[in-house]
mmCIF file of all heavy atoms, coordinates in Angstrom:
data_MODEL
# 
_entry.id   MODEL 
# 
loop_
_atom_site.group_PDB 
_atom_site.id 
_atom_site.type_symbol 
_atom_site.label_atom_id 
_atom_site.label_alt_id 
_atom_site.label_comp_id 
_atom_site.label_asym_id 
_atom_site.label_entity_id 
_atom_site.label_seq_id 
_atom_site.pdbx_PDB_ins_code 
_atom_site.Cartn_x 
_atom_site.Cartn_y 
_atom_site.Cartn_z 
_atom_site.occupancy 
_atom_site.B_iso_or_equiv 
_atom_site.pdbx_formal_charge 
_atom_site.auth_seq_id 
_atom_site.auth_comp_id 
_atom_site.auth_asym_id 
_atom_site.auth_atom_id 
_atom_site.pdbx_PDB_model_num 
ATOM 1   N N   . ALA A 1 1  ? 0.827   -1.165 0.023  1.00 0.00 ? 1  ALA A N   1 
ATOM 2   C CA  . ALA A 1 1  ? 0.012   0.021  0.016  1.00 0.00 ? 1  ALA A CA  1 
ATOM 3   C C   . ALA A 1 1  ? 0.869   1.260  0.016  1.00 0.00 ? 1  ALA A C   1 
ATOM 4   O O   . ALA A 1 1  ? 1.908   1.286  0.648  1.00 0.00 ? 1  ALA A O   1 
ATOM 5   C CB  . ALA A 1 1  ? -0.939  -0.019 1.216  1.00 0.00 ? 1  ALA A CB  1 
ATOM 6   N N   . ARG A 1 2  ? 0.450   2.214  -0.762 1.00 0.00 ? 2  ARG A N   1 
ATOM 7   C CA  . ARG A 1 2  ? 1.166   3.521  -0.718 1.00 0.00 ? 2  ARG A CA  1 
ATOM 8   C C   . ARG A 1 2  ? 0.710   4.330  0.452  1.00 0.00 ? 2  ARG A C   1 
ATOM 9   O O   . ARG A 1 2  ? -0.506  4.279  0.790  1.00 0.00 ? 2  ARG A O   1 
ATOM 10  C CB  . ARG A 1 2  ? 0.923   4.263  -2.032 1.00 0.00 ? 2  ARG A CB  1 
ATOM 11  C CG  . ARG A 1 2  ? 1.570   3.556  -3.201 1.00 0.00 ? 2  ARG A CG  1 
ATOM 12  C CD  . ARG A 1 2  ? 1.425   4.230  -4.535 1.00 0.00 ? 2  ARG A CD  1 
ATOM 13  N NE  . ARG A 1 2  ? 0.783   5.518  -4.514 1.00 0.00 ? 2  ARG A NE  1 
ATOM 14  C CZ  . ARG A 1 2  ? 1.003   6.433  -5.403 1.00 0.00 ? 2  ARG A CZ  1 
ATOM 15  N NH1 . ARG A 1 2  ? 1.824   6.226  -6.373 1.00 0.00 ? 2  ARG A NH1 1 
ATOM 16  N NH2 . ARG A 1 2  ? 0.346   7.590  -5.372 1.00 0.00 ? 2  ARG A NH2 1 
ATOM 17  N N   . GLU A 1 3  ? 1.567   5.058  1.040  1.00 0.00 ? 3  GLU A N   1 
ATOM 18  C CA  . GLU A 1 3  ? 1.267   5.884  2.134  1.00 0.00 ? 3  GLU A CA  1 
ATOM 19  C C   . GLU A 1 3  ? 0.383   7.064  1.661  1.00 0.00 ? 3  GLU A C   1 
ATOM 20  O O   . GLU A 1 3  ? 0.650   7.628  0.599  1.00 0.00 ? 3  GLU A O   1 
ATOM 21  C CB  . GLU A 1 3  ? 2.537   6.473  2.749  1.00 0.00 ? 3  GLU A CB  1 
ATOM 22  C CG  . GLU A 1 3  ? 2.337   7.190  4.032  1.00 0.00 ? 3  GLU A CG  1 
ATOM 23  C CD  . GLU A 1 3  ? 3.674   7.619  4.584  1.00 0.00 ? 3  GLU A CD  1 
ATOM 24  O OE1 . GLU A 1 3  ? 4.701   7.731  3.873  1.00 0.00 ? 3  GLU A OE1 1 
ATOM 25  O OE2 . GLU A 1 3  ? 3.696   7.882  5.818  1.00 0.00 ? 3  GLU A OE2 1 
ATOM 26  N N   . SER A 1 4  ? -0.694  7.385  2.371  1.00 0.00 ? 4  SER A N   1 
ATOM 27  C CA  . SER A 1 4  ? -1.579  8.445  1.915  1.00 0.00 ? 4  SER A CA  1 
ATOM 28  C C   . SER A 1 4  ? -0.877  9.783  2.057  1.00 0.00 ? 4  SER A C   1 
ATOM 29  O O   . SER A 1 4  ? 0.085   9.996  2.827  1.00 0.00 ? 4  SER A O   1 
ATOM 30  C CB  . SER A 1 4  ? -2.823  8.464  2.823  1.00 0.00 ? 4  SER A CB  1 
ATOM 31  O OG  . SER A 1 4  ? -2.525  8.990  4.116  1.00 0.00 ? 4  SER A OG  1 
ATOM 32  N N   . PHE A 1 5  ? -1.398  10.751 1.274  1.00 0.00 ? 5  PHE A N   1 
ATOM 33  C CA  . PHE A 1 5  ? -0.827  12.087 1.290  1.00 0.00 ? 5  PHE A CA  1 
ATOM 34  C C   . PHE A 1 5  ? -0.864  12.677 2.722  1.00 0.00 ? 5  PHE A C   1 
ATOM 35  O O   . PHE A 1 5  ? 0.124   13.218 3.163  1.00 0.00 ? 5  PHE A O   1 
ATOM 36  C CB  . PHE A 1 5  ? -1.601  12.990 0.333  1.00 0.00 ? 5  PHE A CB  1 
ATOM 37  C CG  . PHE A 1 5  ? -1.191  14.417 0.307  1.00 0.00 ? 5  PHE A CG  1 
ATOM 38  C CD1 . PHE A 1 5  ? -0.043  14.824 -0.306 1.00 0.00 ? 5  PHE A CD1 1 
ATOM 39  C CD2 . PHE A 1 5  ? -1.921  15.353 1.025  1.00 0.00 ? 5  PHE A CD2 1 
ATOM 40  C CE1 . PHE A 1 5  ? 0.388   16.169 -0.264 1.00 0.00 ? 5  PHE A CE1 1 
ATOM 41  C CE2 . PHE A 1 5  ? -1.512  16.684 1.044  1.00 0.00 ? 5  PHE A CE2 1 
ATOM 42  C CZ  . PHE A 1 5  ? -0.379  17.082 0.419  1.00 0.00 ? 5  PHE A CZ  1 
ATOM 43  N N   . ASN A 1 6  ? -1.992  12.511 3.368  1.00 0.00 ? 6  ASN A N   1 
ATOM 44  C CA  . ASN A 1 6  ? -2.136  13.089 4.727  1.00 0.00 ? 6  ASN A CA  1 
ATOM 45  C C   . ASN A 1 6  ? -1.160  12.488 5.702  1.00 0.00 ? 6  ASN A C   1 
ATOM 46  O O   . ASN A 1 6  ? -0.603  13.213 6.545  1.00 0.00 ? 6  ASN A O   1 
ATOM 47  C CB  . ASN A 1 6  ? -3.537  12.985 5.241  1.00 0.00 ? 6  ASN A CB  1 
ATOM 48  C CG  . ASN A 1 6  ? -4.486  13.966 4.593  1.00 0.00 ? 6  ASN A CG  1 
ATOM 49  O OD1 . ASN A 1 6  ? -4.025  14.990 4.032  1.00 0.00 ? 6  ASN A OD1 1 
ATOM 50  N ND2 . ASN A 1 6  ? -5.802  13.678 4.586  1.00 0.00 ? 6  ASN A ND2 1 
ATOM 51  N N   . SER A 1 7  ? -0.958  11.171 5.647  1.00 0.00 ? 7  SER A N   1 
ATOM 52  C CA  . SER A 1 7  ? 0.029   10.554 6.586  1.00 0.00 ? 7  SER A CA  1 
ATOM 53  C C   . SER A 1 7  ? 1.454   10.983 6.231  1.00 0.00 ? 7  SER A C   1 
ATOM 54  O O   . SER A 1 7  ? 2.265   11.182 7.121  1.00 0.00 ? 7  SER A O   1 
ATOM 55  C CB  . SER A 1 7  ? -0.175  9.035  6.642  1.00 0.00 ? 7  SER A CB  1 
ATOM 56  O OG  . SER A 1 7  ? 0.143   8.455  5.385  1.00 0.00 ? 7  SER A OG  1 
ATOM 57  N N   . ARG A 1 8  ? 1.729   11.135 4.964  1.00 0.00 ? 8  ARG A N   1 
ATOM 58  C CA  . ARG A 1 8  ? 3.069   11.578 4.600  1.00 0.00 ? 8  ARG A CA  1 
ATOM 59  C C   . ARG A 1 8  ? 3.266   13.053 5.086  1.00 0.00 ? 8  ARG A C   1 
ATOM 60  O O   . ARG A 1 8  ? 4.323   13.405 5.579  1.00 0.00 ? 8  ARG A O   1 
ATOM 61  C CB  . ARG A 1 8  ? 3.274   11.551 3.046  1.00 0.00 ? 8  ARG A CB  1 
ATOM 62  C CG  . ARG A 1 8  ? 3.438   10.121 2.538  1.00 0.00 ? 8  ARG A CG  1 
ATOM 63  C CD  . ARG A 1 8  ? 3.812   10.037 1.118  1.00 0.00 ? 8  ARG A CD  1 
ATOM 64  N NE  . ARG A 1 8  ? 3.734   11.208 0.324  1.00 0.00 ? 8  ARG A NE  1 
ATOM 65  C CZ  . ARG A 1 8  ? 3.413   11.297 -0.975 1.00 0.00 ? 8  ARG A CZ  1 
ATOM 66  N NH1 . ARG A 1 8  ? 3.115   10.216 -1.619 1.00 0.00 ? 8  ARG A NH1 1 
ATOM 67  N NH2 . ARG A 1 8  ? 3.411   12.419 -1.617 1.00 0.00 ? 8  ARG A NH2 1 
ATOM 68  N N   . LEU A 1 9  ? 2.240   13.881 4.899  1.00 0.00 ? 9  LEU A N   1 
ATOM 69  C CA  . LEU A 1 9  ? 2.283   15.220 5.377  1.00 0.00 ? 9  LEU A CA  1 
ATOM 70  C C   . LEU A 1 9  ? 2.499   15.314 6.855  1.00 0.00 ? 9  LEU A C   1 
ATOM 71  O O   . LEU A 1 9  ? 3.349   16.043 7.320  1.00 0.00 ? 9  LEU A O   1 
ATOM 72  C CB  . LEU A 1 9  ? 0.996   15.951 4.972  1.00 0.00 ? 9  LEU A CB  1 
ATOM 73  C CG  . LEU A 1 9  ? 1.003   17.468 4.907  1.00 0.00 ? 9  LEU A CG  1 
ATOM 74  C CD1 . LEU A 1 9  ? 2.041   18.017 3.930  1.00 0.00 ? 9  LEU A CD1 1 
ATOM 75  C CD2 . LEU A 1 9  ? -0.364  17.976 4.575  1.00 0.00 ? 9  LEU A CD2 1 
ATOM 76  N N   . LYS A 1 10 ? 1.810   14.542 7.586  1.00 0.00 ? 10 LYS A N   1 
ATOM 77  C CA  . LYS A 1 10 ? 1.877   14.516 9.045  1.00 0.00 ? 10 LYS A CA  1 
ATOM 78  C C   . LYS A 1 10 ? 3.313   14.012 9.475  1.00 0.00 ? 10 LYS A C   1 
ATOM 79  O O   . LYS A 1 10 ? 3.885   14.586 10.403 1.00 0.00 ? 10 LYS A O   1 
ATOM 80  C CB  . LYS A 1 10 ? 0.836   13.573 9.646  1.00 0.00 ? 10 LYS A CB  1 
ATOM 81  C CG  . LYS A 1 10 ? 0.764   13.618 11.148 1.00 0.00 ? 10 LYS A CG  1 
ATOM 82  C CD  . LYS A 1 10 ? -0.357  12.785 11.699 1.00 0.00 ? 10 LYS A CD  1 
ATOM 83  C CE  . LYS A 1 10 ? -0.457  12.864 13.171 1.00 0.00 ? 10 LYS A CE  1 
ATOM 84  N NZ  . LYS A 1 10 ? -1.556  12.108 13.754 1.00 0.00 ? 10 LYS A NZ  1 
ATOM 85  N N   . ALA A 1 11 ? 3.818   13.007 8.795  1.00 0.00 ? 11 ALA A N   1 
ATOM 86  C CA  . ALA A 1 11 ? 5.181   12.531 9.141  1.00 0.00 ? 11 ALA A CA  1 
ATOM 87  C C   . ALA A 1 11 ? 6.259   13.570 8.937  1.00 0.00 ? 11 ALA A C   1 
ATOM 88  O O   . ALA A 1 11 ? 7.289   13.530 9.564  1.00 0.00 ? 11 ALA A O   1 
ATOM 89  C CB  . ALA A 1 11 ? 5.498   11.282 8.320  1.00 0.00 ? 11 ALA A CB  1 
ATOM 90  N N   . LEU A 1 12 ? 6.028   14.507 8.041  1.00 0.00 ? 12 LEU A N   1 
ATOM 91  C CA  . LEU A 1 12 ? 7.013   15.579 7.778  1.00 0.00 ? 12 LEU A CA  1 
ATOM 92  C C   . LEU A 1 12 ? 6.855   16.763 8.710  1.00 0.00 ? 12 LEU A C   1 
ATOM 93  O O   . LEU A 1 12 ? 7.616   17.696 8.597  1.00 0.00 ? 12 LEU A O   1 
ATOM 94  C CB  . LEU A 1 12 ? 6.832   16.028 6.286  1.00 0.00 ? 12 LEU A CB  1 
ATOM 95  C CG  . LEU A 1 12 ? 7.219   15.020 5.224  1.00 0.00 ? 12 LEU A CG  1 
ATOM 96  C CD1 . LEU A 1 12 ? 6.848   15.553 3.862  1.00 0.00 ? 12 LEU A CD1 1 
ATOM 97  C CD2 . LEU A 1 12 ? 8.670   14.635 5.308  1.00 0.00 ? 12 LEU A CD2 1 
ATOM 98  N N   . GLY A 1 13 ? 5.884   16.719 9.609  1.00 0.00 ? 13 GLY A N   1 
ATOM 99  C CA  . GLY A 1 13 ? 5.695   17.826 10.576 1.00 0.00 ? 13 GLY A CA  1 
ATOM 100 C C   . GLY A 1 13 ? 6.772   17.837 11.641 1.00 0.00 ? 13 GLY A C   1 
ATOM 101 O O   . GLY A 1 13 ? 7.532   16.904 11.792 1.00 0.00 ? 13 GLY A O   1 
ATOM 102 N N   . ASP A 1 14 ? 6.874   18.958 12.318 1.00 0.00 ? 14 ASP A N   1 
ATOM 103 C CA  . ASP A 1 14 ? 7.795   19.129 13.385 1.00 0.00 ? 14 ASP A CA  1 
ATOM 104 C C   . ASP A 1 14 ? 7.082   19.054 14.730 1.00 0.00 ? 14 ASP A C   1 
ATOM 105 O O   . ASP A 1 14 ? 6.389   20.037 15.041 1.00 0.00 ? 14 ASP A O   1 
ATOM 106 C CB  . ASP A 1 14 ? 8.554   20.431 13.220 1.00 0.00 ? 14 ASP A CB  1 
ATOM 107 C CG  . ASP A 1 14 ? 9.573   20.728 14.342 1.00 0.00 ? 14 ASP A CG  1 
ATOM 108 O OD1 . ASP A 1 14 ? 9.734   19.861 15.250 1.00 0.00 ? 14 ASP A OD1 1 
ATOM 109 O OD2 . ASP A 1 14 ? 10.160  21.827 14.310 1.00 0.00 ? 14 ASP A OD2 1 
ATOM 110 N N   . PRO A 1 15 ? 7.262   17.978 15.522 1.00 0.00 ? 15 PRO A N   1 
ATOM 111 C CA  . PRO A 1 15 ? 6.515   17.871 16.794 1.00 0.00 ? 15 PRO A CA  1 
ATOM 112 C C   . PRO A 1 15 ? 6.951   18.881 17.847 1.00 0.00 ? 15 PRO A C   1 
ATOM 113 O O   . PRO A 1 15 ? 6.311   19.008 18.877 1.00 0.00 ? 15 PRO A O   1 
ATOM 114 C CB  . PRO A 1 15 ? 6.837   16.473 17.251 1.00 0.00 ? 15 PRO A CB  1 
ATOM 115 C CG  . PRO A 1 15 ? 8.093   16.106 16.555 1.00 0.00 ? 15 PRO A CG  1 
ATOM 116 C CD  . PRO A 1 15 ? 8.124   16.840 15.228 1.00 0.00 ? 15 PRO A CD  1 
ATOM 117 N N   . THR A 1 16 ? 7.971   19.636 17.580 1.00 0.00 ? 16 THR A N   1 
ATOM 118 C CA  . THR A 1 16 ? 8.458   20.642 18.522 1.00 0.00 ? 16 THR A CA  1 
ATOM 119 C C   . THR A 1 16 ? 8.148   22.094 18.082 1.00 0.00 ? 16 THR A C   1 
ATOM 120 O O   . THR A 1 16 ? 8.512   23.056 18.683 1.00 0.00 ? 16 THR A O   1 
ATOM 121 C CB  . THR A 1 16 ? 9.970   20.526 18.762 1.00 0.00 ? 16 THR A CB  1 
ATOM 122 O OG1 . THR A 1 16 ? 10.661  20.829 17.567 1.00 0.00 ? 16 THR A OG1 1 
ATOM 123 C CG2 . THR A 1 16 ? 10.325  19.117 19.282 1.00 0.00 ? 16 THR A CG2 1 
ATOM 124 N N   . SER A 1 17 ? 7.436   22.192 16.963 1.00 0.00 ? 17 SER A N   1 
ATOM 125 C CA  . SER A 1 17 ? 7.129   23.530 16.334 1.00 0.00 ? 17 SER A CA  1 
ATOM 126 C C   . SER A 1 17 ? 6.449   24.406 17.313 1.00 0.00 ? 17 SER A C   1 
ATOM 127 O O   . SER A 1 17 ? 5.556   23.998 18.131 1.00 0.00 ? 17 SER A O   1 
ATOM 128 C CB  . SER A 1 17 ? 6.318   23.344 15.099 1.00 0.00 ? 17 SER A CB  1 
ATOM 129 O OG  . SER A 1 17 ? 5.979   24.617 14.602 1.00 0.00 ? 17 SER A OG  1 
ATOM 130 N N   . THR A 1 18 ? 6.735   25.693 17.274 1.00 0.00 ? 18 THR A N   1 
ATOM 131 C CA  . THR A 1 18 ? 6.057   26.713 18.060 1.00 0.00 ? 18 THR A CA  1 
ATOM 132 C C   . THR A 1 18 ? 5.509   27.803 17.189 1.00 0.00 ? 18 THR A C   1 
ATOM 133 O O   . THR A 1 18 ? 5.139   28.862 17.643 1.00 0.00 ? 18 THR A O   1 
ATOM 134 C CB  . THR A 1 18 ? 7.013   27.313 19.089 1.00 0.00 ? 18 THR A CB  1 
ATOM 135 O OG1 . THR A 1 18 ? 8.103   27.940 18.398 1.00 0.00 ? 18 THR A OG1 1 
ATOM 136 C CG2 . THR A 1 18 ? 7.509   26.315 20.084 1.00 0.00 ? 18 THR A CG2 1 
ATOM 137 N N   . ASN A 1 19 ? 5.404   27.552 15.875 1.00 0.00 ? 19 ASN A N   1 
ATOM 138 C CA  . ASN A 1 19 ? 4.956   28.456 14.866 1.00 0.00 ? 19 ASN A CA  1 
ATOM 139 C C   . ASN A 1 19 ? 3.550   28.142 14.376 1.00 0.00 ? 19 ASN A C   1 
ATOM 140 O O   . ASN A 1 19 ? 3.321   27.027 13.864 1.00 0.00 ? 19 ASN A O   1 
ATOM 141 C CB  . ASN A 1 19 ? 5.949   28.514 13.717 1.00 0.00 ? 19 ASN A CB  1 
ATOM 142 C CG  . ASN A 1 19 ? 5.752   29.728 12.773 1.00 0.00 ? 19 ASN A CG  1 
ATOM 143 O OD1 . ASN A 1 19 ? 5.204   30.740 13.208 1.00 0.00 ? 19 ASN A OD1 1 
ATOM 144 N ND2 . ASN A 1 19 ? 6.194   29.571 11.559 1.00 0.00 ? 19 ASN A ND2 1 
ATOM 145 N N   . LEU A 1 20 ? 2.609   29.008 14.567 1.00 0.00 ? 20 LEU A N   1 
ATOM 146 C CA  . LEU A 1 20 ? 1.234   28.793 14.144 1.00 0.00 ? 20 LEU A CA  1 
ATOM 147 C C   . LEU A 1 20 ? 0.867   29.617 12.919 1.00 0.00 ? 20 LEU A C   1 
ATOM 148 O O   . LEU A 1 20 ? 1.310   30.760 12.791 1.00 0.00 ? 20 LEU A O   1 
ATOM 149 C CB  . LEU A 1 20 ? 0.246   29.067 15.190 1.00 0.00 ? 20 LEU A CB  1 
ATOM 150 C CG  . LEU A 1 20 ? 0.273   28.178 16.461 1.00 0.00 ? 20 LEU A CG  1 
ATOM 151 C CD1 . LEU A 1 20 ? -0.862  28.549 17.414 1.00 0.00 ? 20 LEU A CD1 1 
ATOM 152 C CD2 . LEU A 1 20 ? 0.215   26.695 16.068 1.00 0.00 ? 20 LEU A CD2 1 
ATOM 153 N N   . TYR A 1 21 ? 0.095   29.042 12.067 1.00 0.00 ? 21 TYR A N   1 
ATOM 154 C CA  . TYR A 1 21 ? -0.378  29.721 10.796 1.00 0.00 ? 21 TYR A CA  1 
ATOM 155 C C   . TYR A 1 21 ? -1.838  30.104 11.099 1.00 0.00 ? 21 TYR A C   1 
ATOM 156 O O   . TYR A 1 21 ? -2.662  29.270 11.513 1.00 0.00 ? 21 TYR A O   1 
ATOM 157 C CB  . TYR A 1 21 ? -0.312  28.695 9.656  1.00 0.00 ? 21 TYR A CB  1 
ATOM 158 C CG  . TYR A 1 21 ? -0.940  29.228 8.376  1.00 0.00 ? 21 TYR A CG  1 
ATOM 159 C CD1 . TYR A 1 21 ? -0.219  30.112 7.548  1.00 0.00 ? 21 TYR A CD1 1 
ATOM 160 C CD2 . TYR A 1 21 ? -2.152  28.746 7.948  1.00 0.00 ? 21 TYR A CD2 1 
ATOM 161 C CE1 . TYR A 1 21 ? -0.759  30.519 6.363  1.00 0.00 ? 21 TYR A CE1 1 
ATOM 162 C CE2 . TYR A 1 21 ? -2.714  29.203 6.731  1.00 0.00 ? 21 TYR A CE2 1 
ATOM 163 C CZ  . TYR A 1 21 ? -1.994  30.083 5.964  1.00 0.00 ? 21 TYR A CZ  1 
ATOM 164 O OH  . TYR A 1 21 ? -2.534  30.477 4.730  1.00 0.00 ? 21 TYR A OH  1 
ATOM 165 N N   . ILE A 1 22 ? -2.138  31.407 11.000 1.00 0.00 ? 22 ILE A N   1 
ATOM 166 C CA  . ILE A 1 22 ? -3.463  31.908 11.229 1.00 0.00 ? 22 ILE A CA  1 
ATOM 167 C C   . ILE A 1 22 ? -4.066  32.395 9.924  1.00 0.00 ? 22 ILE A C   1 
ATOM 168 O O   . ILE A 1 22 ? -3.422  33.245 9.222  1.00 0.00 ? 22 ILE A O   1 
ATOM 169 C CB  . ILE A 1 22 ? -3.436  33.089 12.243 1.00 0.00 ? 22 ILE A CB  1 
ATOM 170 C CG1 . ILE A 1 22 ? -2.420  32.899 13.377 1.00 0.00 ? 22 ILE A CG1 1 
ATOM 171 C CG2 . ILE A 1 22 ? -4.820  33.475 12.716 1.00 0.00 ? 22 ILE A CG2 1 
ATOM 172 C CD1 . ILE A 1 22 ? -2.750  31.806 14.332 1.00 0.00 ? 22 ILE A CD1 1 
ATOM 173 N N   . SER A 1 23 ? -5.209  31.850 9.513  1.00 0.00 ? 23 SER A N   1 
ATOM 174 C CA  . SER A 1 23 ? -5.817  32.316 8.274  1.00 0.00 ? 23 SER A CA  1 
ATOM 175 C C   . SER A 1 23 ? -7.232  32.759 8.497  1.00 0.00 ? 23 SER A C   1 
ATOM 176 O O   . SER A 1 23 ? -7.817  32.600 9.582  1.00 0.00 ? 23 SER A O   1 
ATOM 177 C CB  . SER A 1 23 ? -5.782  31.193 7.254  1.00 0.00 ? 23 SER A CB  1 
ATOM 178 O OG  . SER A 1 23 ? -6.514  30.085 7.690  1.00 0.00 ? 23 SER A OG  1 
ATOM 179 N N   . ASN A 1 24 ? -7.805  33.363 7.475  1.00 0.00 ? 24 ASN A N   1 
ATOM 180 C CA  . ASN A 1 24 ? -9.148  33.896 7.487  1.00 0.00 ? 24 ASN A CA  1 
ATOM 181 C C   . ASN A 1 24 ? -9.216  35.172 8.393  1.00 0.00 ? 24 ASN A C   1 
ATOM 182 O O   . ASN A 1 24 ? -10.287 35.476 8.959  1.00 0.00 ? 24 ASN A O   1 
ATOM 183 C CB  . ASN A 1 24 ? -10.179 32.862 7.883  1.00 0.00 ? 24 ASN A CB  1 
ATOM 184 C CG  . ASN A 1 24 ? -11.491 33.063 7.264  1.00 0.00 ? 24 ASN A CG  1 
ATOM 185 O OD1 . ASN A 1 24 ? -11.593 33.697 6.155  1.00 0.00 ? 24 ASN A OD1 1 
ATOM 186 N ND2 . ASN A 1 24 ? -12.591 32.570 7.869  1.00 0.00 ? 24 ASN A ND2 1 
ATOM 187 N N   . LEU A 1 25 ? -8.116  35.889 8.477  1.00 0.00 ? 25 LEU A N   1 
ATOM 188 C CA  . LEU A 1 25 ? -8.048  37.096 9.308  1.00 0.00 ? 25 LEU A CA  1 
ATOM 189 C C   . LEU A 1 25 ? -8.680  38.256 8.529  1.00 0.00 ? 25 LEU A C   1 
ATOM 190 O O   . LEU A 1 25 ? -8.459  38.361 7.285  1.00 0.00 ? 25 LEU A O   1 
ATOM 191 C CB  . LEU A 1 25 ? -6.599  37.456 9.573  1.00 0.00 ? 25 LEU A CB  1 
ATOM 192 C CG  . LEU A 1 25 ? -5.849  36.624 10.586 1.00 0.00 ? 25 LEU A CG  1 
ATOM 193 C CD1 . LEU A 1 25 ? -4.341  36.886 10.493 1.00 0.00 ? 25 LEU A CD1 1 
ATOM 194 C CD2 . LEU A 1 25 ? -6.383  36.836 11.975 1.00 0.00 ? 25 LEU A CD2 1 
ATOM 195 N N   . PRO A 1 26 ? -9.435  39.126 9.193  1.00 0.00 ? 26 PRO A N   1 
ATOM 196 C CA  . PRO A 1 26 ? -9.915  40.304 8.505  1.00 0.00 ? 26 PRO A CA  1 
ATOM 197 C C   . PRO A 1 26 ? -8.698  41.194 8.085  1.00 0.00 ? 26 PRO A C   1 
ATOM 198 O O   . PRO A 1 26 ? -7.682  41.143 8.773  1.00 0.00 ? 26 PRO A O   1 
ATOM 199 C CB  . PRO A 1 26 ? -10.712 41.027 9.607  1.00 0.00 ? 26 PRO A CB  1 
ATOM 200 C CG  . PRO A 1 26 ? -10.947 39.979 10.634 1.00 0.00 ? 26 PRO A CG  1 
ATOM 201 C CD  . PRO A 1 26 ? -9.870  38.993 10.566 1.00 0.00 ? 26 PRO A CD  1 
# 
């Protein structure tokens, strides 16, 4: 089975990150 896009994306995340992306801001 090929790894799903979402699981690959999650695996590439940084579990120590302190940077948040905020969208839909006025």
